[in-house]
Amino acid sequence: MSELILLFIGVCAYLAPFAMILNSKRTKGHEKNGWLLGTLLFSWLALLLYFSMIPKEGIHPHKPRRGKRRSRR
């Protein structure tokens, strides 16, 4: 029984980086698919590379809201 629990914990630890990248909003489309594939192959190493290489705001940084006007000079 304890072997089954250890196997379950190991599988969860292996799939945790995959779930983190899947739910991340840093990338979209084919780029996310590439990171997911890399994570399945290299697990935690790919997750560390993902968080170190991809900026927090993702590909398209947030734009200022339309309601605020800037003064022109």
PDB file of N, CA and C in Angstrom:
ATOM      1  N   MET A   1       0.817  -1.202   0.000  1.00  0.00           N
ATOM      2  CA  MET A   1       0.000   0.000   0.000  1.00  0.00           C
ATOM      3  C   MET A   1       0.859   1.264   0.000  1.00  0.00           C
ATOM      4  N   SER A   2       1.955   1.257   0.776  1.00  0.00           N
ATOM      5  CA  SER A   2       2.818   2.434   0.842  1.00  0.00           C
ATOM      6  C   SER A   2       3.530   2.670  -0.497  1.00  0.00           C
ATOM      7  N   GLU A   3       3.768   1.591  -1.251  1.00  0.00           N
ATOM      8  CA  GLU A   3       4.388   1.744  -2.577  1.00  0.00           C
ATOM      9  C   GLU A   3       3.448   2.467  -3.531  1.00  0.00           C
ATOM     10  N   LEU A   4       2.164   2.197  -3.414  1.00  0.00           N
ATOM     11  CA  LEU A   4       1.165   2.857  -4.246  1.00  0.00           C
ATOM     12  C   LEU A   4       1.085   4.347  -3.932  1.00  0.00           C
ATOM     13  N   ILE A   5       1.173   4.682  -2.657  1.00  0.00           N
ATOM     14  CA  ILE A   5       1.156   6.091  -2.247  1.00  0.00           C
ATOM     15  C   ILE A   5       2.399   6.807  -2.758  1.00  0.00           C
ATOM     16  N   LEU A   6       3.558   6.177  -2.666  1.00  0.00           N
ATOM     17  CA  LEU A   6       4.795   6.770  -3.175  1.00  0.00           C
ATOM     18  C   LEU A   6       4.732   6.968  -4.686  1.00  0.00           C
ATOM     19  N   LEU A   7       4.156   6.012  -5.399  1.00  0.00           N
ATOM     20  CA  LEU A   7       3.995   6.140  -6.840  1.00  0.00           C
ATOM     21  C   LEU A   7       3.070   7.300  -7.182  1.00  0.00           C
ATOM     22  N   PHE A   8       1.979   7.436  -6.437  1.00  0.00           N
ATOM     23  CA  PHE A   8       1.045   8.533  -6.653  1.00  0.00           C
ATOM     24  C   PHE A   8       1.716   9.884  -6.412  1.00  0.00           C
ATOM     25  N   ILE A   9       2.490  10.001  -5.356  1.00  0.00           N
ATOM     26  CA  ILE A   9       3.206  11.241  -5.049  1.00  0.00           C
ATOM     27  C   ILE A   9       4.234  11.544  -6.141  1.00  0.00           C
ATOM     28  N   GLY A  10       4.916  10.516  -6.623  1.00  0.00           N
ATOM     29  CA  GLY A  10       5.895  10.709  -7.698  1.00  0.00           C
ATOM     30  C   GLY A  10       5.258  11.186  -8.989  1.00  0.00           C
ATOM     31  N   VAL A  11       4.124  10.629  -9.349  1.00  0.00           N
ATOM     32  CA  VAL A  11       3.419  11.045 -10.567  1.00  0.00           C
ATOM     33  C   VAL A  11       2.919  12.478 -10.420  1.00  0.00           C
ATOM     34  N   CYS A  12       2.389  12.817  -9.259  1.00  0.00           N
ATOM     35  CA  CYS A  12       1.938  14.196  -9.020  1.00  0.00           C
ATOM     36  C   CYS A  12       3.101  15.186  -9.095  1.00  0.00           C
ATOM     37  N   ALA A  13       4.243  14.814  -8.551  1.00  0.00           N
ATOM     38  CA  ALA A  13       5.424  15.684  -8.602  1.00  0.00           C
ATOM     39  C   ALA A  13       5.925  15.846 -10.034  1.00  0.00           C
ATOM     40  N   TYR A  14       5.790  14.800 -10.839  1.00  0.00           N
ATOM     41  CA  TYR A  14       6.222  14.867 -12.233  1.00  0.00           C
ATOM     42  C   TYR A  14       5.283  15.737 -13.060  1.00  0.00           C
ATOM     43  N   LEU A  15       3.983  15.690 -12.778  1.00  0.00           N
ATOM     44  CA  LEU A  15       2.997  16.435 -13.564  1.00  0.00           C
ATOM     45  C   LEU A  15       2.725  17.847 -13.033  1.00  0.00           C
ATOM     46  N   ALA A  16       3.221  18.186 -11.861  1.00  0.00           N
ATOM     47  CA  ALA A  16       2.995  19.519 -11.293  1.00  0.00           C
ATOM     48  C   ALA A  16       3.520  20.640 -12.197  1.00  0.00           C
ATOM     49  N   PRO A  17       4.734  20.571 -12.754  1.00  0.00           N
ATOM     50  CA  PRO A  17       5.189  21.638 -13.655  1.00  0.00           C
ATOM     51  C   PRO A  17       4.313  21.769 -14.905  1.00  0.00           C
ATOM     52  N   PHE A  18       3.819  20.655 -15.408  1.00  0.00           N
ATOM     53  CA  PHE A  18       2.930  20.682 -16.575  1.00  0.00           C
ATOM     54  C   PHE A  18       1.670  21.480 -16.251  1.00  0.00           C
ATOM     55  N   ALA A  19       1.085  21.252 -15.085  1.00  0.00           N
ATOM     56  CA  ALA A  19      -0.121  21.970 -14.676  1.00  0.00           C
ATOM     57  C   ALA A  19       0.168  23.459 -14.455  1.00  0.00           C
ATOM     58  N   MET A  20       1.347  23.776 -13.901  1.00  0.00           N
ATOM     59  CA  MET A  20       1.696  25.184 -13.667  1.00  0.00           C
ATOM     60  C   MET A  20       1.809  25.955 -14.971  1.00  0.00           C
ATOM     61  N   ILE A  21       2.439  25.378 -15.982  1.00  0.00           N
ATOM     62  CA  ILE A  21       2.584  26.049 -17.269  1.00  0.00           C
ATOM     63  C   ILE A  21       1.248  26.096 -17.996  1.00  0.00           C
ATOM     64  N   LEU A  22       0.450  25.052 -17.883  1.00  0.00           N
ATOM     65  CA  LEU A  22      -0.850  25.007 -18.531  1.00  0.00           C
ATOM     66  C   LEU A  22      -1.753  26.129 -18.028  1.00  0.00           C
ATOM     67  N   ASN A  23      -1.679  26.463 -16.744  1.00  0.00           N
ATOM     68  CA  ASN A  23      -2.515  27.503 -16.156  1.00  0.00           C
ATOM     69  C   ASN A  23      -1.877  28.887 -16.200  1.00  0.00           C
ATOM     70  N   SER A  24      -0.653  29.012 -16.658  1.00  0.00           N
ATOM     71  CA  SER A  24       0.048  30.288 -16.703  1.00  0.00           C
ATOM     72  C   SER A  24      -0.465  31.147 -17.856  1.00  0.00           C
ATOM     73  N   LYS A  25      -0.495  32.454 -17.637  1.00  0.00           N
ATOM     74  CA  LYS A  25      -0.932  33.393 -18.676  1.00  0.00           C
ATOM     75  C   LYS A  25       0.251  34.123 -19.311  1.00  0.00           C
ATOM     76  N   ARG A  26       1.449  33.622 -19.107  1.00  0.00           N
ATOM     77  CA  ARG A  26       2.640  34.258 -19.657  1.00  0.00           C
ATOM     78  C   ARG A  26       2.799  34.006 -21.145  1.00  0.00           C
ATOM     79  N   THR A  27       2.330  32.879 -21.651  1.00  0.00           N
ATOM     80  CA  THR A  27       2.469  32.545 -23.066  1.00  0.00           C
ATOM     81  C   THR A  27       1.129  32.099 -23.628  1.00  0.00           C
ATOM     82  N   LYS A  28       1.055  32.084 -24.977  1.00  0.00           N
ATOM     83  CA  LYS A  28      -0.170  31.662 -25.657  1.00  0.00           C
ATOM     84  C   LYS A  28       0.195  30.844 -26.879  1.00  0.00           C
ATOM     85  N   GLY A  29      -0.771  30.096 -27.369  1.00  0.00           N
ATOM     86  CA  GLY A  29      -0.654  29.414 -28.648  1.00  0.00           C
ATOM     87  C   GLY A  29       0.453  28.387 -28.733  1.00  0.00           C
ATOM     88  N   HIS A  30       1.153  28.433 -29.867  1.00  0.00           N
ATOM     89  CA  HIS A  30       2.189  27.437 -30.138  1.00  0.00           C
ATOM     90  C   HIS A  30       3.365  27.540 -29.172  1.00  0.00           C
ATOM     91  N   GLU A  31       3.632  28.729 -28.674  1.00  0.00           N
ATOM     92  CA  GLU A  31       4.730  28.875 -27.714  1.00  0.00           C
ATOM     93  C   GLU A  31       4.425  28.080 -26.439  1.00  0.00           C
ATOM     94  N   LYS A  32       3.180  28.158 -25.974  1.00  0.00           N
ATOM     95  CA  LYS A  32       2.792  27.397 -24.786  1.00  0.00           C
ATOM     96  C   LYS A  32       2.871  25.898 -25.075  1.00  0.00           C
ATOM     97  N   ASN A  33       2.472  25.491 -26.279  1.00  0.00           N
ATOM     98  CA  ASN A  33       2.552  24.075 -26.643  1.00  0.00           C
ATOM     99  C   ASN A  33       3.994  23.575 -26.594  1.00  0.00           C
ATOM    100  N   GLY A  34       4.924  24.391 -27.060  1.00  0.00           N
ATOM    101  CA  GLY A  34       6.335  24.016 -27.000  1.00  0.00           C
ATOM    102  C   GLY A  34       6.825  23.874 -25.570  1.00  0.00           C
ATOM    103  N   TRP A  35       6.435  24.805 -24.716  1.00  0.00           N
ATOM    104  CA  TRP A  35       6.846  24.716 -23.313  1.00  0.00           C
ATOM    105  C   TRP A  35       6.221  23.499 -22.637  1.00  0.00           C
ATOM    106  N   LEU A  36       4.970  23.179 -22.982  1.00  0.00           N
ATOM    107  CA  LEU A  36       4.327  21.997 -22.400  1.00  0.00           C
ATOM    108  C   LEU A  36       5.030  20.720 -22.835  1.00  0.00           C
ATOM    109  N   LEU A  37       5.420  20.660 -24.095  1.00  0.00           N
ATOM    110  CA  LEU A  37       6.145  19.494 -24.593  1.00  0.00           C
ATOM    111  C   LEU A  37       7.494  19.360 -23.890  1.00  0.00           C
ATOM    112  N   GLY A  38       8.199  20.479 -23.751  1.00  0.00           N
ATOM    113  CA  GLY A  38       9.480  20.461 -23.033  1.00  0.00           C
ATOM    114  C   GLY A  38       9.318  20.063 -21.585  1.00  0.00           C
ATOM    115  N   THR A  39       8.218  20.475 -20.970  1.00  0.00           N
ATOM    116  CA  THR A  39       7.969  20.124 -19.579  1.00  0.00           C
ATOM    117  C   THR A  39       7.669  18.641 -19.429  1.00  0.00           C
ATOM    118  N   LEU A  40       6.955  18.070 -20.382  1.00  0.00           N
ATOM    119  CA  LEU A  40       6.700  16.630 -20.307  1.00  0.00           C
ATOM    120  C   LEU A  40       7.984  15.830 -20.433  1.00  0.00           C
ATOM    121  N   LEU A  41       8.915  16.336 -21.243  1.00  0.00           N
ATOM    122  CA  LEU A  41      10.170  15.616 -21.445  1.00  0.00           C
ATOM    123  C   LEU A  41      11.186  15.849 -20.325  1.00  0.00           C
ATOM    124  N   PHE A  42      11.260  17.088 -19.827  1.00  0.00           N
ATOM    125  CA  PHE A  42      12.317  17.436 -18.872  1.00  0.00           C
ATOM    126  C   PHE A  42      11.798  17.923 -17.521  1.00  0.00           C
ATOM    127  N   SER A  43      10.500  17.904 -17.318  1.00  0.00           N
ATOM    128  CA  SER A  43       9.812  18.207 -16.070  1.00  0.00           C
ATOM    129  C   SER A  43      10.306  19.483 -15.379  1.00  0.00           C
ATOM    130  N   TRP A  44      10.976  19.365 -14.247  1.00  0.00           N
ATOM    131  CA  TRP A  44      11.315  20.518 -13.422  1.00  0.00           C
ATOM    132  C   TRP A  44      12.357  21.428 -14.072  1.00  0.00           C
ATOM    133  N   LEU A  45      13.248  20.890 -14.860  1.00  0.00           N
ATOM    134  CA  LEU A  45      14.240  21.713 -15.550  1.00  0.00           C
ATOM    135  C   LEU A  45      13.551  22.673 -16.513  1.00  0.00           C
ATOM    136  N   ALA A  46      12.579  22.188 -17.266  1.00  0.00           N
ATOM    137  CA  ALA A  46      11.849  23.047 -18.198  1.00  0.00           C
ATOM    138  C   ALA A  46      11.037  24.097 -17.449  1.00  0.00           C
ATOM    139  N   LEU A  47      10.482  23.759 -16.297  1.00  0.00           N
ATOM    140  CA  LEU A  47       9.729  24.734 -15.511  1.00  0.00           C
ATOM    141  C   LEU A  47      10.642  25.863 -15.034  1.00  0.00           C
ATOM    142  N   LEU A  48      11.833  25.515 -14.571  1.00  0.00           N
ATOM    143  CA  LEU A  48      12.786  26.552 -14.142  1.00  0.00           C
ATOM    144  C   LEU A  48      13.178  27.456 -15.304  1.00  0.00           C
ATOM    145  N   LEU A  49      13.416  26.878 -16.470  1.00  0.00           N
ATOM    146  CA  LEU A  49      13.735  27.682 -17.650  1.00  0.00           C
ATOM    147  C   LEU A  49      12.563  28.566 -18.048  1.00  0.00           C
ATOM    148  N   TYR A  50      11.354  28.041 -17.966  1.00  0.00           N
ATOM    149  CA  TYR A  50      10.154  28.796 -18.331  1.00  0.00           C
ATOM    150  C   TYR A  50      10.027  30.048 -17.471  1.00  0.00           C
ATOM    151  N   PHE A  51      10.134  29.874 -16.157  1.00  0.00           N
ATOM    152  CA  PHE A  51       9.970  31.021 -15.264  1.00  0.00           C
ATOM    153  C   PHE A  51      11.144  31.995 -15.334  1.00  0.00           C
ATOM    154  N   SER A  52      12.302  31.532 -15.760  1.00  0.00           N
ATOM    155  CA  SER A  52      13.448  32.441 -15.854  1.00  0.00           C
ATOM    156  C   SER A  52      13.507  33.168 -17.199  1.00  0.00           C
ATOM    157  N   MET A  53      12.928  32.602 -18.253  1.00  0.00           N
ATOM    158  CA  MET A  53      13.034  33.195 -19.585  1.00  0.00           C
ATOM    159  C   MET A  53      11.815  34.029 -20.003  1.00  0.00           C
ATOM    160  N   ILE A  54      10.627  33.653 -19.586  1.00  0.00           N
ATOM    161  CA  ILE A  54       9.409  34.324 -20.025  1.00  0.00           C
ATOM    162  C   ILE A  54       9.098  35.458 -19.052  1.00  0.00           C
ATOM    163  N   PRO A  55       8.888  36.694 -19.557  1.00  0.00           N
ATOM    164  CA  PRO A  55       8.588  37.816 -18.665  1.00  0.00           C
ATOM    165  C   PRO A  55       7.238  37.632 -17.962  1.00  0.00           C
ATOM    166  N   LYS A  56       7.095  38.243 -16.794  1.00  0.00           N
ATOM    167  CA  LYS A  56       5.872  38.098 -16.004  1.00  0.00           C
ATOM    168  C   LYS A  56       4.642  38.597 -16.745  1.00  0.00           C
ATOM    169  N   GLU A  57       4.781  39.707 -17.465  1.00  0.00           N
ATOM    170  CA  GLU A  57       3.618  40.272 -18.145  1.00  0.00           C
ATOM    171  C   GLU A  57       3.293  39.559 -19.446  1.00  0.00           C
ATOM    172  N   GLY A  58       4.076  38.569 -19.814  1.00  0.00           N
ATOM    173  CA  GLY A  58       3.797  37.790 -21.013  1.00  0.00           C
ATOM    174  C   GLY A  58       4.284  38.478 -22.269  1.00  0.00           C
ATOM    175  N   ILE A  59       3.756  38.060 -23.405  1.00  0.00           N
ATOM    176  CA  ILE A  59       4.185  38.589 -24.690  1.00  0.00           C
ATOM    177  C   ILE A  59       3.709  40.018 -24.883  1.00  0.00           C
ATOM    178  N   HIS A  60       2.461  40.278 -24.536  1.00  0.00           N
ATOM    179  CA  HIS A  60       1.871  41.596 -24.734  1.00  0.00           C
ATOM    180  C   HIS A  60       1.677  42.269 -23.383  1.00  0.00           C
ATOM    181  N   PRO A  61       2.523  43.257 -23.053  1.00  0.00           N
ATOM    182  CA  PRO A  61       2.349  43.938 -21.771  1.00  0.00           C
ATOM    183  C   PRO A  61       1.021  44.690 -21.741  1.00  0.00           C
ATOM    184  N   HIS A  62       0.539  44.934 -20.543  1.00  0.00           N
ATOM    185  CA  HIS A  62      -0.743  45.610 -20.387  1.00  0.00           C
ATOM    186  C   HIS A  62      -0.680  47.025 -20.938  1.00  0.00           C
ATOM    187  N   LYS A  63      -1.728  47.410 -21.658  1.00  0.00           N
ATOM    188  CA  LYS A  63      -1.826  48.758 -22.212  1.00  0.00           C
ATOM    189  C   LYS A  63      -2.559  49.645 -21.214  1.00  0.00           C
ATOM    190  N   PRO A  64      -2.271  50.957 -21.230  1.00  0.00           N
ATOM    191  CA  PRO A  64      -3.011  51.850 -20.332  1.00  0.00           C
ATOM    192  C   PRO A  64      -4.490  51.873 -20.720  1.00  0.00           C
ATOM    193  N   ARG A  65      -5.333  52.139 -19.753  1.00  0.00           N
ATOM    194  CA  ARG A  65      -6.769  52.172 -20.002  1.00  0.00           C
ATOM    195  C   ARG A  65      -7.157  53.368 -20.856  1.00  0.00           C
ATOM    196  N   ARG A  66      -8.222  53.211 -21.614  1.00  0.00           N
ATOM    197  CA  ARG A  66      -8.676  54.278 -22.504  1.00  0.00           C
ATOM    198  C   ARG A  66      -9.283  55.451 -21.751  1.00  0.00           C
ATOM    199  N   GLY A  67      -9.839  55.211 -20.588  1.00  0.00           N
ATOM    200  CA  GLY A  67     -10.532  56.259 -19.841  1.00  0.00           C
ATOM    201  C   GLY A  67      -9.621  57.380 -19.378  1.00  0.00           C
ATOM    202  N   LYS A  68      -8.371  57.086 -19.187  1.00  0.00           N
ATOM    203  CA  LYS A  68      -7.429  58.113 -18.722  1.00  0.00           C
ATOM    204  C   LYS A  68      -6.866  58.853 -19.918  1.00  0.00           C
ATOM    205  N   ARG A  69      -6.911  60.174 -19.852  1.00  0.00           N
ATOM    206  CA  ARG A  69      -6.358  60.988 -20.941  1.00  0.00           C
ATOM    207  C   ARG A  69      -5.028  61.573 -20.515  1.00  0.00           C
ATOM    208  N   ARG A  70      -4.145  61.617 -21.462  1.00  0.00           N
ATOM    209  CA  ARG A  70      -2.853  62.242 -21.199  1.00  0.00           C
ATOM    210  C   ARG A  70      -2.868  63.648 -21.794  1.00  0.00           C
ATOM    211  N   SER A  71      -2.237  64.562 -21.111  1.00  0.00           N
ATOM    212  CA  SER A  71      -2.187  65.933 -21.623  1.00  0.00           C
ATOM    213  C   SER A  71      -1.129  66.022 -22.723  1.00  0.00           C
ATOM    214  N   ARG A  72      -1.499  66.710 -23.786  1.00  0.00           N
ATOM    215  CA  ARG A  72      -0.553  66.899 -24.905  1.00  0.00           C
ATOM    216  C   ARG A  72       0.097  68.255 -24.785  1.00  0.00           C
ATOM    217  N   ARG A  73       1.384  68.270 -24.952  1.00  0.00           N
ATOM    218  CA  ARG A  73       2.118  69.541 -24.884  1.00  0.00           C
ATOM    219  C   ARG A  73       3.013  69.661 -26.067  1.00  0.00           C
TER     220      ARG A  73
END
